[in-house]
Amino acid sequence: MKMSCSHLCWYRKKSGIPVWGIHRTDSVRSMPAILFVDDDEEILTLGKLFLEGSGTMTVDIVTSATMAIEKLSRGKYDAILSDYHMPVMNGIELLHRVRDEFGDIPFILFTCDDAQEILTEALESGVNYCIVKSPEPKHQFMTLGYLLRHLIRLRQSRDKQKKPKVHEQ
């Protein structure tokens, strides 16, 4: 049995923006890995604390969609939680890149903007859930944690059903 090993690492990108993340050195993860993308470092820190506090997932955080694409290129994530308003590429543009390059990873858009046009565009673009940020982070992140775990279980169940069954003779 291979032992798993994870440790907290400090990443510094060319942009000079510090990013906390979990560096995995194992081939089999025991907990789902979430990629949380938001240009607000305070929200990222709170979200990471609340979501990892459940003990049911690990959370990597990045401050831009561009950094998210880089992380996705280097590792496997079970779900993505993304803000809408970000410089260079917004959350829906990130969703399109993710779908084109990485498949149907569960994706939750987490935004402070409740404009009907944005919510409609997000849902039409294939986002799994679109959640409007609230001033009460504890309950908000408890709900997000539940939704993330639910989406991951659904995807795992669907993936199991897709695998062809091998019949022994």
C-alpha atoms as a PDB file:
ATOM      1  CA  MET A   1       0.000   0.000   0.000  1.00  0.00           C
ATOM      2  CA  LYS A   2       1.430   3.346  -1.008  1.00  0.00           C
ATOM      3  CA  MET A   3       1.455   6.006   1.689  1.00  0.00           C
ATOM      4  CA  SER A   4       0.118   9.411   0.801  1.00  0.00           C
ATOM      5  CA  CYS A   5       1.905  12.592   1.697  1.00  0.00           C
ATOM      6  CA  SER A   6       0.633  16.145   1.460  1.00  0.00           C
ATOM      7  CA  HIS A   7       2.078  19.320   2.808  1.00  0.00           C
ATOM      8  CA  LEU A   8       1.283  23.000   2.655  1.00  0.00           C
ATOM      9  CA  CYS A   9       3.465  24.892   0.218  1.00  0.00           C
ATOM     10  CA  TRP A  10       4.023  28.540  -0.533  1.00  0.00           C
ATOM     11  CA  TYR A  11       3.964  29.291  -4.256  1.00  0.00           C
ATOM     12  CA  ARG A  12       5.216  32.518  -5.796  1.00  0.00           C
ATOM     13  CA  LYS A  13       4.333  33.064  -9.427  1.00  0.00           C
ATOM     14  CA  LYS A  14       6.108  35.309 -11.945  1.00  0.00           C
ATOM     15  CA  SER A  15       3.466  37.915 -11.151  1.00  0.00           C
ATOM     16  CA  GLY A  16       4.758  38.059  -7.591  1.00  0.00           C
ATOM     17  CA  ILE A  17       1.332  37.219  -6.162  1.00  0.00           C
ATOM     18  CA  PRO A  18       1.673  34.787  -3.256  1.00  0.00           C
ATOM     19  CA  VAL A  19      -0.613  31.766  -3.336  1.00  0.00           C
ATOM     20  CA  TRP A  20      -1.121  29.068  -0.733  1.00  0.00           C
ATOM     21  CA  GLY A  21      -1.752  25.558  -1.936  1.00  0.00           C
ATOM     22  CA  ILE A  22      -1.536  21.894  -1.114  1.00  0.00           C
ATOM     23  CA  HIS A  23       1.300  20.093  -2.839  1.00  0.00           C
ATOM     24  CA  ARG A  24       0.420  16.450  -3.296  1.00  0.00           C
ATOM     25  CA  THR A  25       3.104  13.835  -3.568  1.00  0.00           C
ATOM     26  CA  ASP A  26       0.775  10.861  -3.520  1.00  0.00           C
ATOM     27  CA  SER A  27      -0.793   9.009  -6.407  1.00  0.00           C
ATOM     28  CA  VAL A  28      -4.044   8.348  -4.554  1.00  0.00           C
ATOM     29  CA  ARG A  29      -5.788  11.140  -2.679  1.00  0.00           C
ATOM     30  CA  SER A  30      -8.058  10.338   0.206  1.00  0.00           C
ATOM     31  CA  MET A  31      -9.961  13.634   0.013  1.00  0.00           C
ATOM     32  CA  PRO A  32     -11.371  15.528  -2.960  1.00  0.00           C
ATOM     33  CA  ALA A  33      -9.255  18.444  -4.188  1.00  0.00           C
ATOM     34  CA  ILE A  34     -10.995  21.764  -4.853  1.00  0.00           C
ATOM     35  CA  LEU A  35      -9.547  24.662  -6.834  1.00  0.00           C
ATOM     36  CA  PHE A  36     -10.868  27.978  -5.470  1.00  0.00           C
ATOM     37  CA  VAL A  37     -10.389  30.993  -7.770  1.00  0.00           C
ATOM     38  CA  ASP A  38     -11.060  34.567  -6.603  1.00  0.00           C
ATOM     39  CA  ASP A  39      -9.179  37.832  -6.871  1.00  0.00           C
ATOM     40  CA  ASP A  40     -10.158  38.695  -3.266  1.00  0.00           C
ATOM     41  CA  GLU A  41      -7.499  37.131  -1.023  1.00  0.00           C
ATOM     42  CA  GLU A  42      -9.657  37.592   2.098  1.00  0.00           C
ATOM     43  CA  ILE A  43     -12.474  35.507   0.568  1.00  0.00           C
ATOM     44  CA  LEU A  44      -9.934  32.878  -0.515  1.00  0.00           C
ATOM     45  CA  THR A  45      -8.473  32.627   2.979  1.00  0.00           C
ATOM     46  CA  LEU A  46     -11.899  32.414   4.650  1.00  0.00           C
ATOM     47  CA  GLY A  47     -13.119  29.883   2.103  1.00  0.00           C
ATOM     48  CA  LYS A  48     -10.067  27.682   2.485  1.00  0.00           C
ATOM     49  CA  LEU A  49     -10.399  27.718   6.282  1.00  0.00           C
ATOM     50  CA  PHE A  50     -14.118  26.894   6.265  1.00  0.00           C
ATOM     51  CA  LEU A  51     -14.010  24.287   3.490  1.00  0.00           C
ATOM     52  CA  GLU A  52     -10.932  22.465   4.794  1.00  0.00           C
ATOM     53  CA  GLY A  53     -12.271  22.779   8.343  1.00  0.00           C
ATOM     54  CA  SER A  54     -14.863  20.133   7.517  1.00  0.00           C
ATOM     55  CA  GLY A  55     -12.027  17.631   7.108  1.00  0.00           C
ATOM     56  CA  THR A  56     -13.608  16.322   3.901  1.00  0.00           C
ATOM     57  CA  MET A  57     -11.665  18.187   1.207  1.00  0.00           C
ATOM     58  CA  THR A  58      -8.442  19.993   0.413  1.00  0.00           C
ATOM     59  CA  VAL A  59      -8.531  23.424  -1.190  1.00  0.00           C
ATOM     60  CA  ASP A  60      -5.935  25.080  -3.411  1.00  0.00           C
ATOM     61  CA  ILE A  61      -6.424  28.814  -3.856  1.00  0.00           C
ATOM     62  CA  VAL A  62      -5.401  31.109  -6.711  1.00  0.00           C
ATOM     63  CA  THR A  63      -6.082  34.780  -7.382  1.00  0.00           C
ATOM     64  CA  SER A  64      -6.723  34.680 -11.131  1.00  0.00           C
ATOM     65  CA  ALA A  65      -8.247  32.551 -13.849  1.00  0.00           C
ATOM     66  CA  THR A  66      -4.867  32.428 -15.602  1.00  0.00           C
ATOM     67  CA  MET A  67      -3.286  30.921 -12.496  1.00  0.00           C
ATOM     68  CA  ALA A  68      -6.191  28.458 -12.293  1.00  0.00           C
ATOM     69  CA  ILE A  69      -5.462  27.223 -15.838  1.00  0.00           C
ATOM     70  CA  GLU A  70      -1.798  26.746 -14.862  1.00  0.00           C
ATOM     71  CA  LYS A  71      -2.783  24.738 -11.765  1.00  0.00           C
ATOM     72  CA  LEU A  72      -5.238  22.619 -13.750  1.00  0.00           C
ATOM     73  CA  SER A  73      -2.491  21.870 -16.290  1.00  0.00           C
ATOM     74  CA  ARG A  74      -0.252  20.528 -13.530  1.00  0.00           C
ATOM     75  CA  GLY A  75      -2.712  18.641 -11.332  1.00  0.00           C
ATOM     76  CA  LYS A  76      -6.087  16.967 -10.998  1.00  0.00           C
ATOM     77  CA  TYR A  77      -8.974  18.692  -9.265  1.00  0.00           C
ATOM     78  CA  ASP A  78     -12.339  17.209  -8.399  1.00  0.00           C
ATOM     79  CA  ALA A  79     -14.214  20.535  -8.544  1.00  0.00           C
ATOM     80  CA  ILE A  80     -13.734  24.256  -9.147  1.00  0.00           C
ATOM     81  CA  LEU A  81     -15.217  27.132  -7.186  1.00  0.00           C
ATOM     82  CA  SER A  82     -14.757  30.425  -9.044  1.00  0.00           C
ATOM     83  CA  ASP A  83     -15.607  34.086  -8.662  1.00  0.00           C
ATOM     84  CA  TYR A  84     -17.162  35.865 -11.649  1.00  0.00           C
ATOM     85  CA  HIS A  85     -15.465  39.290 -11.610  1.00  0.00           C
ATOM     86  CA  MET A  86     -11.716  38.868 -12.070  1.00  0.00           C
ATOM     87  CA  PRO A  87      -9.131  40.715 -14.150  1.00  0.00           C
ATOM     88  CA  VAL A  88      -8.083  39.342 -17.564  1.00  0.00           C
ATOM     89  CA  MET A  89     -10.617  36.471 -17.637  1.00  0.00           C
ATOM     90  CA  ASN A  90     -13.962  36.328 -15.808  1.00  0.00           C
ATOM     91  CA  GLY A  91     -15.467  33.198 -14.249  1.00  0.00           C
ATOM     92  CA  ILE A  92     -17.592  32.297 -17.265  1.00  0.00           C
ATOM     93  CA  GLU A  93     -14.609  32.638 -19.602  1.00  0.00           C
ATOM     94  CA  LEU A  94     -12.696  30.391 -17.190  1.00  0.00           C
ATOM     95  CA  LEU A  95     -15.562  27.887 -17.316  1.00  0.00           C
ATOM     96  CA  HIS A  96     -15.333  27.780 -21.148  1.00  0.00           C
ATOM     97  CA  ARG A  97     -11.565  27.158 -20.974  1.00  0.00           C
ATOM     98  CA  VAL A  98     -12.042  24.448 -18.364  1.00  0.00           C
ATOM     99  CA  ARG A  99     -14.709  22.679 -20.438  1.00  0.00           C
ATOM    100  CA  ASP A 100     -12.585  22.912 -23.611  1.00  0.00           C
ATOM    101  CA  GLU A 101      -9.290  21.832 -22.047  1.00  0.00           C
ATOM    102  CA  PHE A 102     -10.131  19.736 -18.984  1.00  0.00           C
ATOM    103  CA  GLY A 103     -13.615  18.297 -19.511  1.00  0.00           C
ATOM    104  CA  ASP A 104     -16.613  18.349 -17.255  1.00  0.00           C
ATOM    105  CA  ILE A 105     -15.041  19.093 -13.869  1.00  0.00           C
ATOM    106  CA  PRO A 106     -17.846  20.223 -11.527  1.00  0.00           C
ATOM    107  CA  PHE A 107     -17.865  24.034 -11.547  1.00  0.00           C
ATOM    108  CA  ILE A 108     -19.597  26.432  -9.135  1.00  0.00           C
ATOM    109  CA  LEU A 109     -19.678  30.131  -9.963  1.00  0.00           C
ATOM    110  CA  PHE A 110     -19.537  32.113  -6.705  1.00  0.00           C
ATOM    111  CA  THR A 111     -20.254  35.798  -7.289  1.00  0.00           C
ATOM    112  CA  CYS A 112     -21.393  38.970  -5.549  1.00  0.00           C
ATOM    113  CA  ASP A 113     -23.239  39.962  -8.719  1.00  0.00           C
ATOM    114  CA  ASP A 114     -26.876  38.890  -8.797  1.00  0.00           C
ATOM    115  CA  ALA A 115     -27.618  40.398 -12.219  1.00  0.00           C
ATOM    116  CA  GLN A 116     -30.029  38.143 -14.077  1.00  0.00           C
ATOM    117  CA  GLU A 117     -27.943  38.363 -17.271  1.00  0.00           C
ATOM    118  CA  ILE A 118     -24.843  36.971 -15.559  1.00  0.00           C
ATOM    119  CA  LEU A 119     -26.744  34.197 -13.801  1.00  0.00           C
ATOM    120  CA  THR A 120     -28.491  33.231 -17.038  1.00  0.00           C
ATOM    121  CA  GLU A 121     -25.241  33.285 -19.027  1.00  0.00           C
ATOM    122  CA  ALA A 122     -23.546  31.149 -16.375  1.00  0.00           C
ATOM    123  CA  LEU A 123     -26.272  28.518 -16.407  1.00  0.00           C
ATOM    124  CA  GLU A 124     -26.452  28.501 -20.216  1.00  0.00           C
ATOM    125  CA  SER A 125     -22.668  28.076 -20.323  1.00  0.00           C
ATOM    126  CA  GLY A 126     -22.855  24.877 -18.306  1.00  0.00           C
ATOM    127  CA  VAL A 127     -21.989  25.928 -14.772  1.00  0.00           C
ATOM    128  CA  ASN A 128     -23.270  23.369 -12.253  1.00  0.00           C
ATOM    129  CA  TYR A 129     -24.381  25.954  -9.699  1.00  0.00           C
ATOM    130  CA  CYS A 130     -24.324  29.726  -9.522  1.00  0.00           C
ATOM    131  CA  ILE A 131     -24.229  31.033  -5.940  1.00  0.00           C
ATOM    132  CA  VAL A 132     -24.505  34.698  -4.962  1.00  0.00           C
ATOM    133  CA  LYS A 133     -22.097  35.635  -2.161  1.00  0.00           C
ATOM    134  CA  SER A 134     -23.691  36.596   1.135  1.00  0.00           C
ATOM    135  CA  PRO A 135     -22.379  38.656   4.047  1.00  0.00           C
ATOM    136  CA  GLU A 136     -22.560  35.519   6.255  1.00  0.00           C
ATOM    137  CA  PRO A 137     -19.508  33.438   5.241  1.00  0.00           C
ATOM    138  CA  LYS A 138     -19.898  30.575   7.725  1.00  0.00           C
ATOM    139  CA  HIS A 139     -23.274  29.436   6.441  1.00  0.00           C
ATOM    140  CA  GLN A 140     -22.320  30.257   2.856  1.00  0.00           C
ATOM    141  CA  PHE A 141     -19.227  28.049   2.934  1.00  0.00           C
ATOM    142  CA  MET A 142     -21.078  25.258   4.758  1.00  0.00           C
ATOM    143  CA  THR A 143     -23.559  25.249   1.861  1.00  0.00           C
ATOM    144  CA  LEU A 144     -20.755  25.403  -0.712  1.00  0.00           C
ATOM    145  CA  GLY A 145     -18.985  22.485   0.989  1.00  0.00           C
ATOM    146  CA  TYR A 146     -22.166  20.414   0.770  1.00  0.00           C
ATOM    147  CA  LEU A 147     -22.686  21.333  -2.909  1.00  0.00           C
ATOM    148  CA  LEU A 148     -19.070  20.539  -3.787  1.00  0.00           C
ATOM    149  CA  ARG A 149     -19.232  17.117  -2.099  1.00  0.00           C
ATOM    150  CA  HIS A 150     -22.586  16.431  -3.774  1.00  0.00           C
ATOM    151  CA  LEU A 151     -21.297  17.339  -7.253  1.00  0.00           C
ATOM    152  CA  ILE A 152     -18.180  15.222  -6.786  1.00  0.00           C
ATOM    153  CA  ARG A 153     -20.241  12.197  -5.691  1.00  0.00           C
ATOM    154  CA  LEU A 154     -22.557  12.636  -8.685  1.00  0.00           C
ATOM    155  CA  ARG A 155     -19.617  12.779 -11.083  1.00  0.00           C
ATOM    156  CA  GLN A 156     -17.972   9.725  -9.483  1.00  0.00           C
ATOM    157  CA  SER A 157     -21.244   7.808  -9.723  1.00  0.00           C
ATOM    158  CA  ARG A 158     -21.701   8.820 -13.363  1.00  0.00           C
ATOM    159  CA  ASP A 159     -18.088   7.880 -14.169  1.00  0.00           C
ATOM    160  CA  LYS A 160     -18.577   4.440 -12.573  1.00  0.00           C
ATOM    161  CA  GLN A 161     -21.652   3.843 -14.711  1.00  0.00           C
ATOM    162  CA  LYS A 162     -19.755   4.803 -17.875  1.00  0.00           C
ATOM    163  CA  LYS A 163     -16.981   2.261 -17.291  1.00  0.00           C
ATOM    164  CA  PRO A 164     -17.618  -0.903 -19.285  1.00  0.00           C
ATOM    165  CA  LYS A 165     -18.139  -3.945 -17.121  1.00  0.00           C
ATOM    166  CA  VAL A 166     -15.685  -6.750 -17.711  1.00  0.00           C
ATOM    167  CA  HIS A 167     -17.380 -10.127 -17.861  1.00  0.00           C
ATOM    168  CA  GLU A 168     -15.340 -13.082 -16.721  1.00  0.00           C
ATOM    169  CA  GLN A 169     -15.654 -16.294 -18.713  1.00  0.00           C
END
